[in-house]
Each structure stands twice: as C-alpha cells, then as structure tokens.
Protein backbone atom coordinates (compact mmCIF):
# COMPACT_ATOMS: atom_id res chain seq x y z
CA MET A 1 63.68 -62.78 75.94
CA ASP A 2 60.07 -62.65 77.10
CA ALA A 3 57.85 -61.81 74.11
CA ARG A 4 55.83 -59.21 76.01
CA LEU A 5 58.98 -57.47 77.15
CA GLN A 6 60.41 -57.49 73.63
CA ARG A 7 57.24 -55.90 72.27
CA ARG A 8 57.39 -53.28 75.01
CA VAL A 9 61.04 -52.51 74.22
CA GLN A 10 60.20 -52.12 70.54
CA ARG A 11 57.09 -50.03 71.08
CA TYR A 12 58.59 -47.47 73.42
CA GLY A 13 62.01 -47.55 71.79
CA TRP A 14 60.59 -46.58 68.39
CA ASP A 15 58.35 -43.99 70.04
CA ARG A 16 61.54 -42.31 71.23
CA ALA A 17 63.44 -42.85 67.97
CA VAL A 18 60.96 -41.41 65.49
CA ASP A 19 62.47 -37.93 64.98
CA ALA A 20 66.05 -39.17 64.74
CA TYR A 21 64.90 -41.99 62.47
CA VAL A 22 63.52 -39.44 60.02
CA ARG A 23 66.77 -37.45 60.08
CA HIS A 24 69.22 -40.31 59.84
CA TRP A 25 67.50 -43.27 58.17
CA HIS A 26 65.09 -42.00 55.53
CA ALA A 27 67.80 -41.28 52.98
CA ALA A 28 69.93 -44.24 54.04
CA LEU A 29 67.13 -46.76 53.44
CA ALA A 30 65.77 -45.23 50.24
CA GLY A 31 67.63 -47.73 48.07
CA VAL A 32 66.28 -50.91 49.66
CA GLN A 33 62.80 -49.42 49.89
CA ALA A 34 62.90 -48.71 46.16
CA GLU A 35 64.04 -52.30 45.52
CA LEU A 36 61.18 -53.63 47.62
CA LEU A 37 58.55 -51.51 45.88
CA ALA A 38 59.88 -52.41 42.44
CA ALA A 39 59.69 -56.11 43.32
CA ALA A 40 56.21 -55.72 44.84
CA ALA A 41 54.85 -53.71 41.89
CA PRO A 42 51.72 -52.28 43.56
CA ALA A 43 49.11 -51.70 40.85
CA PRO A 44 46.20 -49.26 40.47
CA ALA A 45 43.15 -50.05 42.63
CA GLU A 46 44.94 -52.71 44.70
CA ARG A 47 44.46 -53.10 48.45
CA VAL A 48 47.82 -52.99 50.22
CA LEU A 49 48.88 -53.72 53.78
CA ASP A 50 52.18 -52.32 55.07
CA VAL A 51 53.27 -54.10 58.28
CA ALA A 52 55.75 -52.35 60.59
CA CYS A 53 55.14 -49.28 58.45
CA GLY A 54 57.27 -46.93 60.56
CA THR A 55 56.95 -43.34 59.37
CA GLY A 56 55.01 -44.42 56.29
CA VAL A 57 57.59 -43.90 53.54
CA VAL A 58 56.78 -47.22 51.85
CA SER A 59 53.06 -46.90 52.62
CA VAL A 60 52.78 -43.52 50.95
CA ALA A 61 54.76 -44.70 47.91
CA ALA A 62 52.35 -47.63 47.64
CA ALA A 63 49.40 -45.24 47.94
CA LEU A 64 50.73 -43.22 45.02
CA ALA A 65 50.99 -46.43 42.98
CA VAL A 66 47.51 -47.78 43.73
CA GLY A 67 45.90 -44.39 43.15
CA PRO A 68 42.61 -43.00 44.45
CA HIS A 69 40.72 -46.23 43.79
CA GLY A 70 43.16 -48.32 45.82
CA ARG A 71 43.58 -48.58 49.56
CA VAL A 72 46.64 -48.78 51.82
CA VAL A 73 46.60 -49.76 55.49
CA GLY A 74 49.81 -49.22 57.44
CA VAL A 75 50.25 -50.77 60.88
CA ASP A 76 52.97 -50.39 63.47
CA LEU A 77 53.45 -51.18 67.14
CA SER A 78 54.70 -47.65 67.83
CA GLY A 79 52.03 -45.01 68.25
CA GLN A 80 54.48 -42.23 67.43
CA MET A 81 55.45 -43.95 64.18
CA VAL A 82 51.78 -44.34 63.25
CA GLU A 83 51.18 -40.64 63.92
CA ALA A 84 54.19 -39.66 61.79
CA ALA A 85 52.99 -41.93 58.96
CA ASP A 86 49.53 -40.41 59.06
CA GLN A 87 50.99 -36.91 58.90
CA ARG A 88 53.14 -37.91 55.90
CA ALA A 89 50.13 -39.29 54.02
CA ARG A 90 48.01 -36.22 54.74
CA ALA A 91 50.83 -33.88 53.71
CA GLN A 92 51.03 -35.68 50.37
CA ARG A 93 47.23 -35.83 50.03
CA GLN A 94 47.21 -39.62 49.95
CA HIS A 95 43.82 -39.98 51.59
CA GLN A 96 43.52 -43.61 50.49
CA ALA A 97 46.14 -44.49 53.14
CA ARG A 98 45.24 -44.97 56.80
CA PHE A 99 47.38 -46.00 59.73
CA LEU A 100 46.70 -48.06 62.84
CA ARG A 101 48.70 -49.10 65.89
CA MET A 102 48.71 -52.88 65.73
CA ASP A 103 50.81 -55.95 66.56
CA ALA A 104 52.07 -57.66 63.38
CA GLU A 105 51.71 -61.06 65.06
CA ALA A 106 47.99 -60.54 65.76
CA LEU A 107 46.49 -58.41 62.98
CA ASP A 108 42.99 -57.16 63.69
CA LEU A 109 42.17 -57.32 59.97
CA PRO A 110 39.86 -59.50 57.86
CA ASP A 111 40.81 -62.75 56.13
CA ASP A 112 41.42 -62.90 52.36
CA HIS A 113 41.34 -59.12 51.96
CA PHE A 114 44.58 -57.64 50.61
CA ASP A 115 46.16 -57.98 47.17
CA LEU A 116 49.63 -57.12 48.49
CA ALA A 117 51.35 -57.15 51.87
CA LEU A 118 54.59 -55.27 52.47
CA CYS A 119 57.08 -55.41 55.32
CA ALA A 120 60.19 -53.28 54.92
CA LEU A 121 62.78 -54.10 57.59
CA GLY A 122 60.32 -55.00 60.31
CA LEU A 123 60.37 -58.78 60.73
CA MET A 124 63.74 -58.75 62.56
CA TYR A 125 62.17 -56.94 65.52
CA LEU A 126 59.34 -59.38 66.17
CA PRO A 127 59.39 -62.04 68.91
CA ASP A 128 57.86 -64.54 66.44
CA PRO A 129 58.38 -63.63 62.76
CA GLY A 130 56.73 -66.89 61.74
CA ALA A 131 53.50 -65.83 63.40
CA ALA A 132 53.62 -62.53 61.51
CA LEU A 133 54.13 -64.33 58.21
CA ARG A 134 51.18 -66.59 58.91
CA GLU A 135 49.11 -63.50 59.64
CA LEU A 136 50.21 -61.97 56.35
CA ARG A 137 49.09 -65.12 54.54
CA ARG A 138 45.74 -65.04 56.33
CA VAL A 139 44.90 -61.48 55.32
CA LEU A 140 46.05 -61.90 51.71
CA ARG A 141 43.45 -62.92 49.16
CA PRO A 142 44.06 -66.20 47.30
CA GLY A 143 46.83 -65.44 44.82
CA GLY A 144 47.88 -62.35 46.76
CA ARG A 145 51.56 -61.61 47.25
CA ALA A 146 53.89 -60.46 50.00
CA ALA A 147 57.06 -58.42 49.49
CA LEU A 148 59.49 -58.45 52.40
CA ALA A 149 62.89 -56.97 53.19
CA VAL A 150 65.23 -57.75 56.09
CA TRP A 151 68.82 -56.90 56.89
CA GLY A 152 71.25 -59.42 55.38
CA GLU A 153 74.25 -61.30 56.73
CA ARG A 154 75.75 -59.89 59.92
CA ALA A 155 79.26 -59.97 58.41
CA ARG A 156 78.10 -57.76 55.53
CA CYS A 157 76.56 -55.08 57.78
CA GLY A 158 79.35 -52.90 59.11
CA TRP A 159 77.16 -51.36 61.83
CA ALA A 160 76.38 -54.78 63.40
CA PRO A 161 78.73 -54.34 66.44
CA LEU A 162 76.16 -51.88 67.77
CA PHE A 163 74.21 -54.62 69.58
CA GLU A 164 77.23 -56.09 71.36
CA ILE A 165 78.35 -52.63 72.41
CA VAL A 166 74.98 -51.83 73.98
CA ASP A 167 74.67 -55.26 75.61
CA ALA A 168 78.06 -54.70 77.28
CA GLU A 169 76.46 -51.82 79.19
CA VAL A 170 73.01 -53.29 79.88
CA HIS A 171 71.59 -56.74 79.24
CA SER A 172 69.02 -55.40 76.80
CA GLU A 173 68.52 -58.35 74.43
CA VAL A 174 67.03 -55.76 72.09
CA CYS A 175 67.10 -57.97 69.00
CA PRO A 176 68.65 -61.33 69.91
CA LEU A 177 67.93 -62.85 66.48
CA PHE A 178 68.24 -59.66 64.45
CA PHE A 179 70.30 -61.10 61.58
CA GLY A 180 68.76 -64.58 61.63
CA LEU A 181 66.38 -64.04 58.72
CA GLY A 182 69.18 -62.56 56.62
CA GLN A 183 71.28 -65.71 56.70
CA GLY A 184 71.28 -67.83 53.55
CA THR A 185 67.72 -68.67 52.52
CA ALA A 186 66.27 -68.28 56.03
CA LEU A 187 63.63 -65.73 55.01
CA ALA A 188 62.50 -67.83 52.05
CA GLN A 189 62.27 -70.89 54.28
CA ALA A 190 60.21 -68.98 56.83
CA CYS A 191 57.83 -67.90 54.05
CA ALA A 192 57.46 -71.48 52.86
CA ARG A 193 56.62 -72.68 56.37
CA ALA A 194 53.88 -70.03 56.50
CA GLY A 195 52.34 -71.21 53.22
CA LEU A 196 53.85 -68.47 51.06
CA ARG A 197 55.45 -69.65 47.80
CA VAL A 198 58.64 -67.70 47.09
CA THR A 199 58.94 -66.25 43.59
CA LEU A 200 61.91 -63.94 44.15
CA LEU A 201 64.91 -63.96 46.50
CA LYS A 202 67.40 -61.15 46.03
CA ARG A 203 70.39 -59.85 47.97
CA VAL A 204 70.98 -56.12 47.79
CA ALA A 205 74.34 -54.57 48.68
CA ASP A 206 74.28 -50.94 49.79
CA THR A 207 76.29 -48.33 51.67
CA LEU A 208 75.22 -46.24 54.65
CA GLU A 209 76.84 -42.81 54.34
CA TYR A 210 77.36 -40.36 57.20
CA GLU A 211 79.03 -36.96 57.18
CA ASN A 212 80.83 -37.50 60.47
CA ALA A 213 81.08 -39.70 63.56
CA GLU A 214 78.35 -37.79 65.38
CA ASP A 215 75.82 -38.50 62.63
CA ALA A 216 76.82 -42.17 62.49
CA CYS A 217 76.41 -42.51 66.25
CA ASP A 218 73.09 -40.67 66.34
CA ALA A 219 71.74 -42.97 63.62
CA ALA A 220 72.90 -46.03 65.53
CA PHE A 221 71.91 -45.09 69.06
CA VAL A 222 69.21 -42.42 68.91
CA GLY A 223 67.33 -43.29 65.72
CA GLY A 224 67.42 -47.07 65.75
CA PRO A 225 66.45 -50.21 67.66
CA VAL A 226 68.52 -49.47 70.77
CA ALA A 227 66.95 -46.05 71.37
CA LEU A 228 65.21 -47.15 74.57
CA ALA A 229 68.43 -48.51 76.09
CA TRP A 230 70.27 -45.36 75.02
CA SER A 231 67.68 -43.18 76.74
CA HIS A 232 68.58 -44.80 80.08
CA PHE A 233 72.37 -44.39 79.75
CA ASP A 234 74.08 -41.70 81.78
CA SER A 235 76.62 -39.40 80.14
CA ALA A 236 79.56 -41.67 80.96
CA ALA A 237 77.88 -44.73 79.42
CA ARG A 238 76.96 -42.74 76.33
CA ALA A 239 80.55 -41.61 75.91
CA ARG A 240 81.79 -45.21 76.24
CA VAL A 241 79.40 -46.70 73.70
CA ARG A 242 79.98 -43.89 71.22
CA ALA A 243 83.74 -44.36 71.47
CA ARG A 244 83.44 -48.11 70.99
CA TYR A 245 81.14 -47.73 68.01
CA VAL A 246 83.38 -45.16 66.31
CA GLU A 247 86.27 -47.60 66.78
CA ALA A 248 84.17 -50.44 65.28
CA ILE A 249 83.29 -48.47 62.13
CA ALA A 250 86.78 -47.02 61.69
CA PRO A 251 87.57 -49.28 58.68
CA TRP A 252 84.90 -47.43 56.69
CA ARG A 253 86.01 -43.90 57.45
CA HIS A 254 86.45 -41.62 54.42
CA GLY A 255 87.84 -38.24 55.42
CA ARG A 256 85.54 -36.95 58.18
CA GLY A 257 82.69 -39.16 57.02
CA TYR A 258 81.85 -42.87 56.91
CA ARG A 259 80.69 -45.26 54.19
CA ILE A 260 79.50 -48.32 56.05
CA PRO A 261 78.64 -51.48 54.06
CA ALA A 262 75.16 -52.94 54.39
CA GLU A 263 73.24 -55.84 52.92
CA PHE A 264 69.53 -56.56 52.61
CA VAL A 265 67.45 -59.52 51.53
CA VAL A 266 64.31 -58.95 49.47
CA VAL A 267 61.75 -61.71 49.00
CA VAL A 268 58.47 -61.83 47.08
CA ALA A 269 56.11 -64.70 47.88
CA MET A 270 52.59 -65.66 46.83
CA ARG A 271 49.80 -67.00 48.96
CA ASP A 272 49.89 -70.68 48.04
CA ASP A 273 46.57 -72.35 48.80
CA ASP A 274 47.94 -75.72 47.62
CA GLY A 275 50.79 -75.71 50.13
CA PRO A 276 51.01 -75.90 53.94
CA ALA A 277 49.71 -72.94 55.85
CA GLY A 278 52.26 -73.39 58.63
CA GLU A 279 51.51 -74.17 62.20
C-alpha cells in the first residue's frame, strides 16, 4: 500500500472513530495500558513523549506520574484524537501535558530531549514502524527509555477476522502488516535495529468483553481501524460484514455477550549509544 494513502486512511479513519473509540475501547484496553505504564515507570519531573496518543488516556496517566514539574507531549496523526486528548488533560487539570498533530515517522521535536517515550498500540498502523522507532531513539536523551505495546499473535486475537471481512467488501489494505510486530520477538528485533536495547519483553493475555453482538460490532467497525471503510459501506454491506463478524466471534459468546481473547506484547528498550542506530 502506498505510504501516503495509508497515512490518509489512518488520519481520517481515526477522526471518524474517536467517539466510538471512547465508548468501546477505553475500558477494553485499560489492562494493557496499565501494564505499559507499570513497565515504563514514569517518574516525577521527567519529560515524556506519547506517540500515537489517541484520546490521551496514557498521556494523562503519565502526566499524573511526572507531576507539575514534568512535561508530557502527546502526538497523533488524527486531529480529532488530538483534540479529545487535549480536552481530557484540561478536564483533569493536567496542564503539563500538551498535544500536537504529528506524523510518528517524522517527529518535529528536538534531539536528545525526552526521558521516556511511550507508544501504546500505535506502531501497527504505521507504513514504516522502523522509521518511527528511529525517531523515538533520536528524541530520547542518552540513557532514555521507550515503552511500547502492540497487539500480539494473530491466532491469539479472536477479533482478527475483522480485516479479512472488510477486505472482502473493499480492497482497503487498512493494516496489511497489523500483526507483524506481535509475532515472536519481532518488536524486540525492530527495536534493536533502531539502536534501542531491549530490557523487557512481555506477552500479556487479556479478554475483550462486550454485552452483546451490537457492541462487539460497533467496537470493531465504528471505533477501530476500519472506520473509514465502514463509513463508505451501504446498508447491505454493513449487514453482511456484521453478520460475518458475529459468526467469526461466535466461539466466544457467553449468554448474550462475548468474551473475546486478545494478546499484547509489551517491550521496554533503552537508547543504546554503543549500538547501531539503524538505517
């Protein structure tokens, strides 16, 4: 997929998804976000960058940890996500956090500046995750650390058929390599190539819970990465993809609701000035 087109799909897709994302994903992702923050351990007065910050849940938690003498910068390609993040920070009086619309692969930020860089479930959406990791290394101070989370193995994520179902309707190529970084040690290897020395690699099993099929489908189609494609479907196409998705997640039905398995990979890595910076 053309990189410019992929960025466009992500930008405008997440602009459309923001409200449904808040409703359907905030609670579902709380567990992995807590794991990431615990591994990252933001400390008072640190300078933190949150890449692909979305609605700012992780950014604001980091702001609380670093306190009034710290600083948090959250960046995202989606302007609507940035606006939602800014509103969240202001509502919680975390004035040390600011948010900017920015491409993770070309950060308009100074070298050697941040103590900690975070990226919670954002790398999978980028045309070139390696470029983003090299950018993270560049903006980290010597000895700074990065804490990253991605979705895990495709076979351990029960919602994974979503992409095939959408692609059967329209050749979207929304996230052609979505699960690539979750395979084996792929994320750790990508960090090493970027000059980041891995100090922690952890797999986290979780469950996505939905009260009924409608909620599960809204999370998948309206509040997630295929939101732009969904917005162009007519009523017949929407009915088809919903029916196919409900059939795909049927093994995890419990009563009227669903408990869908999920897996994440969490990595912490240090800026390693003795190792290769990646090319």
